[in-house]
Amino acid sequence: MRLTAASVVAIALVTASLAAQETKPVPKNSIRVTVPGCTKGYVFTVAPRTVEAPGSADVPAGMHLRLNAPKKMMTDIKAHEGTLIQVTGLIKKGQYGPSGINVGGVRIAPGGNPQSGTLSMGGPANLVMMDVEGWQQVPGECR
């Protein structure tokens, strides 16, 4: 009888702790997105949404994101390079969204000031940063 009562209490405690695990709240200056795509190093290229990998936000296909994740998670993601995955994470609102205007299917945005004295070394300096919270492999292939 005591064993049964103790096991019921133990199960109740485990169930309560699992129910208490919720997703972290989203900071006011960020949005949580889930997008399908492919990786190459730390750069994630958003793939078109499909029925199998619909995504959760209006992130355009072809957009490049710079992934920021714990080392172990990034190692796991890099191991699946070349396969379609879906990542969930936080993007700051100021980074997200296209700038400029759309003219005939082409986006025209203001460029940098050539007199500013900044030097670009050819790297992906202005990629949108994503703090990765999780990922999963989804059906499909990278192009």
N, C-alpha and C. Protein backbone atom coordinates (compact mmCIF):
# COMPACT_ATOMS: atom_id res chain seq x y z
N MET A 1 0.82 -1.19 0.00
CA MET A 1 0.00 0.00 0.00
C MET A 1 0.87 1.26 0.00
N ARG A 2 1.92 1.26 0.84
CA ARG A 2 2.81 2.42 0.89
C ARG A 2 3.57 2.58 -0.42
N LEU A 3 3.95 1.46 -1.02
CA LEU A 3 4.67 1.51 -2.28
C LEU A 3 3.81 2.14 -3.37
N THR A 4 2.53 1.81 -3.41
CA THR A 4 1.62 2.37 -4.40
C THR A 4 1.46 3.87 -4.18
N ALA A 5 1.30 4.29 -2.95
CA ALA A 5 1.15 5.72 -2.65
C ALA A 5 2.42 6.48 -3.02
N ALA A 6 3.58 5.90 -2.72
CA ALA A 6 4.85 6.56 -3.04
C ALA A 6 5.03 6.68 -4.55
N SER A 7 4.64 5.65 -5.30
CA SER A 7 4.78 5.72 -6.76
C SER A 7 3.82 6.74 -7.35
N VAL A 8 2.62 6.87 -6.79
CA VAL A 8 1.66 7.87 -7.28
C VAL A 8 2.19 9.27 -7.04
N VAL A 9 2.79 9.49 -5.88
CA VAL A 9 3.37 10.80 -5.57
C VAL A 9 4.54 11.09 -6.50
N ALA A 10 5.39 10.11 -6.75
CA ALA A 10 6.53 10.30 -7.64
C ALA A 10 6.07 10.63 -9.06
N ILE A 11 5.07 9.95 -9.54
CA ILE A 11 4.54 10.21 -10.89
C ILE A 11 3.94 11.61 -10.96
N ALA A 12 3.25 12.02 -9.91
CA ALA A 12 2.66 13.36 -9.87
C ALA A 12 3.74 14.44 -9.91
N LEU A 13 4.83 14.22 -9.20
CA LEU A 13 5.92 15.20 -9.20
C LEU A 13 6.59 15.30 -10.57
N VAL A 14 6.81 14.17 -11.21
CA VAL A 14 7.43 14.17 -12.54
C VAL A 14 6.51 14.86 -13.54
N THR A 15 5.23 14.56 -13.48
CA THR A 15 4.26 15.18 -14.39
C THR A 15 4.19 16.68 -14.18
N ALA A 16 4.21 17.11 -12.93
CA ALA A 16 4.16 18.54 -12.63
C ALA A 16 5.40 19.25 -13.14
N SER A 17 6.58 18.64 -13.00
CA SER A 17 7.80 19.28 -13.48
C SER A 17 7.82 19.36 -15.00
N LEU A 18 7.29 18.36 -15.69
CA LEU A 18 7.22 18.41 -17.15
C LEU A 18 6.24 19.47 -17.61
N ALA A 19 5.13 19.61 -16.92
CA ALA A 19 4.15 20.62 -17.29
C ALA A 19 4.68 22.03 -17.05
N ALA A 20 5.58 22.19 -16.09
CA ALA A 20 6.14 23.50 -15.78
C ALA A 20 7.15 23.95 -16.82
N GLN A 21 7.69 23.04 -17.65
CA GLN A 21 8.65 23.42 -18.67
C GLN A 21 7.92 24.02 -19.86
N GLU A 22 8.00 25.31 -19.98
CA GLU A 22 7.38 26.01 -21.09
C GLU A 22 8.47 26.70 -21.89
N THR A 23 8.10 27.20 -23.06
CA THR A 23 9.09 27.92 -23.85
C THR A 23 9.40 29.25 -23.17
N LYS A 24 10.60 29.72 -23.39
CA LYS A 24 11.02 30.98 -22.79
C LYS A 24 10.19 32.12 -23.37
N PRO A 25 9.91 33.14 -22.57
CA PRO A 25 9.17 34.28 -23.11
C PRO A 25 10.03 35.03 -24.14
N VAL A 26 9.37 35.60 -25.13
CA VAL A 26 10.05 36.34 -26.18
C VAL A 26 10.29 37.76 -25.70
N PRO A 27 11.54 38.26 -25.77
CA PRO A 27 11.80 39.65 -25.40
C PRO A 27 10.99 40.61 -26.28
N LYS A 28 10.72 41.79 -25.76
CA LYS A 28 9.88 42.76 -26.48
C LYS A 28 10.48 43.20 -27.81
N ASN A 29 11.81 43.19 -27.91
CA ASN A 29 12.45 43.66 -29.14
C ASN A 29 12.75 42.53 -30.12
N SER A 30 12.17 41.33 -29.92
CA SER A 30 12.46 40.17 -30.77
C SER A 30 11.17 39.48 -31.19
N ILE A 31 11.31 38.60 -32.17
CA ILE A 31 10.22 37.71 -32.57
C ILE A 31 10.77 36.30 -32.66
N ARG A 32 9.92 35.32 -32.37
CA ARG A 32 10.31 33.91 -32.49
C ARG A 32 9.82 33.42 -33.84
N VAL A 33 10.73 32.82 -34.61
CA VAL A 33 10.39 32.30 -35.93
C VAL A 33 10.83 30.85 -36.04
N THR A 34 10.13 30.12 -36.86
CA THR A 34 10.50 28.75 -37.24
C THR A 34 10.53 28.72 -38.75
N VAL A 35 11.70 28.43 -39.31
CA VAL A 35 11.86 28.46 -40.76
C VAL A 35 12.61 27.24 -41.26
N PRO A 36 12.20 26.71 -42.43
CA PRO A 36 12.95 25.61 -43.04
C PRO A 36 14.07 26.17 -43.89
N GLY A 37 15.13 25.37 -44.05
CA GLY A 37 16.22 25.81 -44.91
C GLY A 37 17.42 24.91 -44.82
N CYS A 38 18.53 25.41 -45.33
CA CYS A 38 19.78 24.64 -45.39
C CYS A 38 20.92 25.47 -44.82
N THR A 39 21.92 24.77 -44.28
CA THR A 39 23.05 25.47 -43.69
C THR A 39 24.32 25.23 -44.48
N LYS A 40 25.21 26.17 -44.34
CA LYS A 40 26.59 26.03 -44.81
C LYS A 40 27.42 26.79 -43.80
N GLY A 41 28.06 26.06 -42.90
CA GLY A 41 28.76 26.68 -41.79
C GLY A 41 27.74 27.29 -40.84
N TYR A 42 27.92 28.57 -40.53
CA TYR A 42 26.99 29.27 -39.64
C TYR A 42 25.88 29.99 -40.40
N VAL A 43 25.90 29.95 -41.72
CA VAL A 43 24.91 30.66 -42.53
C VAL A 43 23.77 29.72 -42.88
N PHE A 44 22.56 30.17 -42.60
CA PHE A 44 21.34 29.41 -42.86
C PHE A 44 20.59 30.11 -43.98
N THR A 45 20.27 29.39 -45.06
CA THR A 45 19.52 29.94 -46.18
C THR A 45 18.09 29.43 -46.10
N VAL A 46 17.14 30.34 -46.03
CA VAL A 46 15.73 29.98 -45.88
C VAL A 46 15.23 29.37 -47.18
N ALA A 47 14.56 28.22 -47.05
CA ALA A 47 13.99 27.51 -48.20
C ALA A 47 12.51 27.90 -48.34
N PRO A 48 11.95 27.68 -49.52
CA PRO A 48 10.51 27.93 -49.68
C PRO A 48 9.71 27.04 -48.73
N ARG A 49 8.64 27.57 -48.20
CA ARG A 49 7.80 26.78 -47.29
C ARG A 49 7.07 25.70 -48.06
N THR A 50 6.91 24.56 -47.39
CA THR A 50 6.18 23.43 -47.97
C THR A 50 5.16 22.95 -46.95
N VAL A 51 4.36 21.97 -47.33
CA VAL A 51 3.40 21.39 -46.40
C VAL A 51 4.13 20.71 -45.25
N GLU A 52 5.25 20.04 -45.55
CA GLU A 52 6.01 19.34 -44.52
C GLU A 52 6.75 20.30 -43.59
N ALA A 53 7.19 21.44 -44.11
CA ALA A 53 7.94 22.43 -43.33
C ALA A 53 7.35 23.82 -43.58
N PRO A 54 6.20 24.11 -42.95
CA PRO A 54 5.52 25.36 -43.26
C PRO A 54 6.17 26.62 -42.70
N GLY A 55 6.90 26.52 -41.59
CA GLY A 55 7.47 27.72 -40.97
C GLY A 55 6.40 28.48 -40.21
N SER A 56 6.81 29.52 -39.49
CA SER A 56 5.86 30.23 -38.67
C SER A 56 5.80 31.72 -38.93
N ALA A 57 6.65 32.24 -39.75
CA ALA A 57 6.67 33.68 -40.01
C ALA A 57 6.88 33.92 -41.50
N ASP A 58 6.65 35.14 -41.90
CA ASP A 58 6.79 35.49 -43.30
C ASP A 58 8.24 35.86 -43.60
N VAL A 59 9.11 34.87 -43.49
CA VAL A 59 10.53 35.06 -43.82
C VAL A 59 10.70 34.63 -45.27
N PRO A 60 11.17 35.53 -46.14
CA PRO A 60 11.23 35.19 -47.56
C PRO A 60 12.26 34.11 -47.87
N ALA A 61 11.92 33.25 -48.83
CA ALA A 61 12.85 32.21 -49.27
C ALA A 61 14.09 32.88 -49.87
N GLY A 62 15.25 32.31 -49.59
CA GLY A 62 16.50 32.86 -50.09
C GLY A 62 17.18 33.80 -49.11
N MET A 63 16.48 34.20 -48.06
CA MET A 63 17.08 35.10 -47.06
C MET A 63 18.16 34.33 -46.30
N HIS A 64 19.26 34.99 -45.99
CA HIS A 64 20.36 34.37 -45.25
C HIS A 64 20.32 34.84 -43.80
N LEU A 65 20.48 33.89 -42.89
CA LEU A 65 20.52 34.17 -41.46
C LEU A 65 21.85 33.68 -40.91
N ARG A 66 22.40 34.39 -39.96
CA ARG A 66 23.62 33.96 -39.27
C ARG A 66 23.18 33.29 -37.98
N LEU A 67 23.48 31.99 -37.84
CA LEU A 67 23.03 31.22 -36.69
C LEU A 67 23.94 31.45 -35.49
N ASN A 68 23.32 31.66 -34.35
CA ASN A 68 24.04 31.80 -33.09
C ASN A 68 23.45 30.75 -32.16
N ALA A 69 24.23 29.71 -31.85
CA ALA A 69 23.72 28.59 -31.05
C ALA A 69 24.83 28.08 -30.14
N PRO A 70 24.44 27.36 -29.08
CA PRO A 70 25.47 26.72 -28.26
C PRO A 70 26.33 25.78 -29.11
N LYS A 71 27.56 25.58 -28.68
CA LYS A 71 28.54 24.83 -29.46
C LYS A 71 28.05 23.42 -29.82
N LYS A 72 27.45 22.71 -28.87
CA LYS A 72 26.98 21.35 -29.13
C LYS A 72 25.86 21.35 -30.16
N MET A 73 24.92 22.29 -30.03
CA MET A 73 23.82 22.37 -31.00
C MET A 73 24.35 22.73 -32.38
N MET A 74 25.31 23.65 -32.44
CA MET A 74 25.86 24.04 -33.74
C MET A 74 26.61 22.88 -34.38
N THR A 75 27.27 22.05 -33.59
CA THR A 75 27.95 20.85 -34.11
C THR A 75 26.93 19.89 -34.70
N ASP A 76 25.79 19.72 -34.02
CA ASP A 76 24.73 18.85 -34.54
C ASP A 76 24.15 19.40 -35.83
N ILE A 77 23.95 20.71 -35.90
CA ILE A 77 23.40 21.33 -37.11
C ILE A 77 24.39 21.18 -38.26
N LYS A 78 25.68 21.42 -38.00
CA LYS A 78 26.68 21.29 -39.05
C LYS A 78 26.79 19.86 -39.56
N ALA A 79 26.49 18.88 -38.71
CA ALA A 79 26.53 17.47 -39.13
C ALA A 79 25.43 17.18 -40.15
N HIS A 80 24.40 18.01 -40.20
CA HIS A 80 23.29 17.82 -41.15
C HIS A 80 23.37 18.81 -42.31
N GLU A 81 24.55 19.35 -42.56
CA GLU A 81 24.74 20.27 -43.67
C GLU A 81 24.39 19.56 -44.98
N GLY A 82 23.63 20.23 -45.82
CA GLY A 82 23.21 19.64 -47.09
C GLY A 82 21.86 18.96 -47.03
N THR A 83 21.29 18.82 -45.84
CA THR A 83 19.93 18.28 -45.70
C THR A 83 19.01 19.39 -45.22
N LEU A 84 17.75 19.30 -45.53
CA LEU A 84 16.78 20.31 -45.14
C LEU A 84 16.47 20.18 -43.65
N ILE A 85 16.62 21.29 -42.94
CA ILE A 85 16.30 21.32 -41.51
C ILE A 85 15.36 22.49 -41.25
N GLN A 86 14.79 22.50 -40.07
CA GLN A 86 13.93 23.59 -39.65
C GLN A 86 14.47 24.11 -38.32
N VAL A 87 14.76 25.41 -38.25
CA VAL A 87 15.29 25.99 -37.02
C VAL A 87 14.25 26.92 -36.40
N THR A 88 14.28 26.96 -35.08
CA THR A 88 13.42 27.87 -34.32
C THR A 88 14.32 28.74 -33.49
N GLY A 89 14.06 30.03 -33.51
CA GLY A 89 14.90 30.93 -32.74
C GLY A 89 14.36 32.34 -32.71
N LEU A 90 15.13 33.21 -32.11
CA LEU A 90 14.75 34.61 -31.93
C LEU A 90 15.53 35.51 -32.88
N ILE A 91 14.81 36.45 -33.48
CA ILE A 91 15.40 37.45 -34.35
C ILE A 91 14.98 38.81 -33.82
N LYS A 92 15.91 39.74 -33.72
CA LYS A 92 15.56 41.09 -33.27
C LYS A 92 14.71 41.77 -34.32
N LYS A 93 13.70 42.50 -33.87
CA LYS A 93 12.76 43.14 -34.79
C LYS A 93 13.44 44.15 -35.70
N GLY A 94 14.44 44.85 -35.24
CA GLY A 94 15.12 45.84 -36.07
C GLY A 94 15.89 45.22 -37.23
N GLN A 95 16.31 43.97 -37.09
CA GLN A 95 17.05 43.29 -38.16
C GLN A 95 16.11 42.66 -39.17
N TYR A 96 14.95 42.25 -38.69
CA TYR A 96 14.04 41.48 -39.53
C TYR A 96 13.25 42.39 -40.44
N GLY A 97 13.02 41.94 -41.63
CA GLY A 97 12.18 42.68 -42.56
C GLY A 97 13.02 43.38 -43.61
N PRO A 98 12.54 43.37 -44.82
CA PRO A 98 13.30 43.99 -45.90
C PRO A 98 13.27 45.51 -45.80
N SER A 99 14.37 46.14 -46.18
CA SER A 99 14.40 47.59 -46.23
C SER A 99 14.29 48.02 -47.68
N GLY A 100 13.93 49.25 -47.90
CA GLY A 100 13.79 49.75 -49.25
C GLY A 100 12.38 49.57 -49.78
N ILE A 101 12.24 49.71 -51.10
CA ILE A 101 10.93 49.58 -51.74
C ILE A 101 11.00 48.54 -52.84
N ASN A 102 9.86 47.94 -53.15
CA ASN A 102 9.78 46.91 -54.17
C ASN A 102 9.33 47.56 -55.48
N VAL A 103 10.14 47.46 -56.53
CA VAL A 103 9.82 48.03 -57.83
C VAL A 103 9.92 46.93 -58.86
N GLY A 104 8.78 46.48 -59.37
CA GLY A 104 8.78 45.45 -60.41
C GLY A 104 9.44 44.16 -60.00
N GLY A 105 9.29 43.76 -58.74
CA GLY A 105 9.87 42.51 -58.26
C GLY A 105 11.32 42.63 -57.83
N VAL A 106 11.89 43.84 -57.91
CA VAL A 106 13.26 44.08 -57.49
C VAL A 106 13.24 45.03 -56.29
N ARG A 107 13.97 44.69 -55.24
CA ARG A 107 14.01 45.53 -54.04
C ARG A 107 15.12 46.55 -54.19
N ILE A 108 14.76 47.82 -54.04
CA ILE A 108 15.73 48.91 -54.12
C ILE A 108 15.86 49.48 -52.72
N ALA A 109 17.09 49.42 -52.18
CA ALA A 109 17.35 49.89 -50.83
C ALA A 109 18.51 50.87 -50.85
N PRO A 110 18.53 51.78 -49.88
CA PRO A 110 19.65 52.72 -49.83
C PRO A 110 20.95 52.00 -49.53
N GLY A 111 22.02 52.43 -50.14
CA GLY A 111 23.33 51.83 -49.91
C GLY A 111 24.10 52.59 -48.86
N GLY A 112 25.27 52.09 -48.57
CA GLY A 112 26.12 52.76 -47.60
C GLY A 112 26.75 54.00 -48.20
N ASN A 113 27.24 54.86 -47.36
CA ASN A 113 27.89 56.08 -47.77
C ASN A 113 29.32 55.75 -48.20
N PRO A 114 29.68 56.00 -49.46
CA PRO A 114 31.03 55.67 -49.90
C PRO A 114 32.09 56.53 -49.20
N GLN A 115 31.70 57.66 -48.61
CA GLN A 115 32.63 58.55 -47.92
C GLN A 115 32.76 58.21 -46.44
N SER A 116 32.07 57.13 -45.98
CA SER A 116 32.01 56.84 -44.55
C SER A 116 33.32 56.30 -43.98
N GLY A 117 34.18 55.78 -44.83
CA GLY A 117 35.46 55.26 -44.36
C GLY A 117 35.39 53.83 -43.86
N THR A 118 34.24 53.17 -44.01
CA THR A 118 34.16 51.78 -43.58
C THR A 118 34.71 50.90 -44.68
N LEU A 119 35.31 49.81 -44.28
CA LEU A 119 35.93 48.90 -45.23
C LEU A 119 35.29 47.54 -45.09
N SER A 120 34.80 46.98 -46.18
CA SER A 120 34.21 45.65 -46.15
C SER A 120 35.25 44.65 -46.64
N MET A 121 35.40 43.58 -45.91
CA MET A 121 36.37 42.56 -46.27
C MET A 121 35.72 41.44 -47.10
N GLY A 122 34.53 41.66 -47.61
CA GLY A 122 33.88 40.68 -48.46
C GLY A 122 33.10 39.63 -47.70
N GLY A 123 33.06 39.71 -46.38
CA GLY A 123 32.32 38.73 -45.58
C GLY A 123 30.86 39.11 -45.44
N PRO A 124 30.06 38.19 -44.93
CA PRO A 124 28.63 38.47 -44.75
C PRO A 124 28.40 39.36 -43.53
N ALA A 125 28.69 40.65 -43.67
CA ALA A 125 28.66 41.57 -42.54
C ALA A 125 27.25 41.93 -42.11
N ASN A 126 26.30 41.98 -43.01
CA ASN A 126 24.98 42.46 -42.65
C ASN A 126 23.93 41.36 -42.69
N LEU A 127 24.27 40.17 -42.23
CA LEU A 127 23.30 39.09 -42.15
C LEU A 127 22.43 39.28 -40.91
N VAL A 128 21.20 38.83 -41.00
CA VAL A 128 20.29 38.86 -39.86
C VAL A 128 20.73 37.76 -38.89
N MET A 129 20.90 38.11 -37.62
CA MET A 129 21.33 37.15 -36.60
C MET A 129 20.11 36.43 -36.02
N MET A 130 20.23 35.13 -35.82
CA MET A 130 19.18 34.33 -35.19
C MET A 130 19.79 33.58 -34.02
N ASP A 131 19.21 33.77 -32.83
CA ASP A 131 19.60 33.00 -31.65
C ASP A 131 18.80 31.71 -31.69
N VAL A 132 19.44 30.61 -32.02
CA VAL A 132 18.75 29.33 -32.23
C VAL A 132 18.35 28.72 -30.90
N GLU A 133 17.08 28.33 -30.80
CA GLU A 133 16.56 27.66 -29.61
C GLU A 133 16.44 26.16 -29.83
N GLY A 134 16.23 25.76 -31.08
CA GLY A 134 16.10 24.35 -31.40
C GLY A 134 16.05 24.14 -32.90
N TRP A 135 16.17 22.88 -33.30
CA TRP A 135 16.14 22.55 -34.72
C TRP A 135 15.65 21.12 -34.87
N GLN A 136 15.24 20.78 -36.09
CA GLN A 136 14.86 19.42 -36.40
C GLN A 136 15.02 19.20 -37.89
N GLN A 137 15.26 17.94 -38.26
CA GLN A 137 15.37 17.61 -39.67
C GLN A 137 13.96 17.44 -40.23
N VAL A 138 13.73 17.93 -41.44
CA VAL A 138 12.42 17.84 -42.08
C VAL A 138 12.58 17.18 -43.44
N PRO A 139 11.49 16.60 -43.96
CA PRO A 139 11.59 15.97 -45.29
C PRO A 139 11.87 17.00 -46.37
N GLY A 140 12.67 16.64 -47.31
CA GLY A 140 13.01 17.52 -48.41
C GLY A 140 14.52 17.51 -48.62
N GLU A 141 14.95 18.29 -49.60
CA GLU A 141 16.37 18.35 -49.90
C GLU A 141 16.79 19.78 -50.20
N CYS A 142 18.06 20.02 -50.05
CA CYS A 142 18.62 21.34 -50.35
C CYS A 142 18.96 21.41 -51.83
N ARG A 143 18.89 22.60 -52.36
CA ARG A 143 19.22 22.80 -53.76
C ARG A 143 20.58 23.40 -53.91
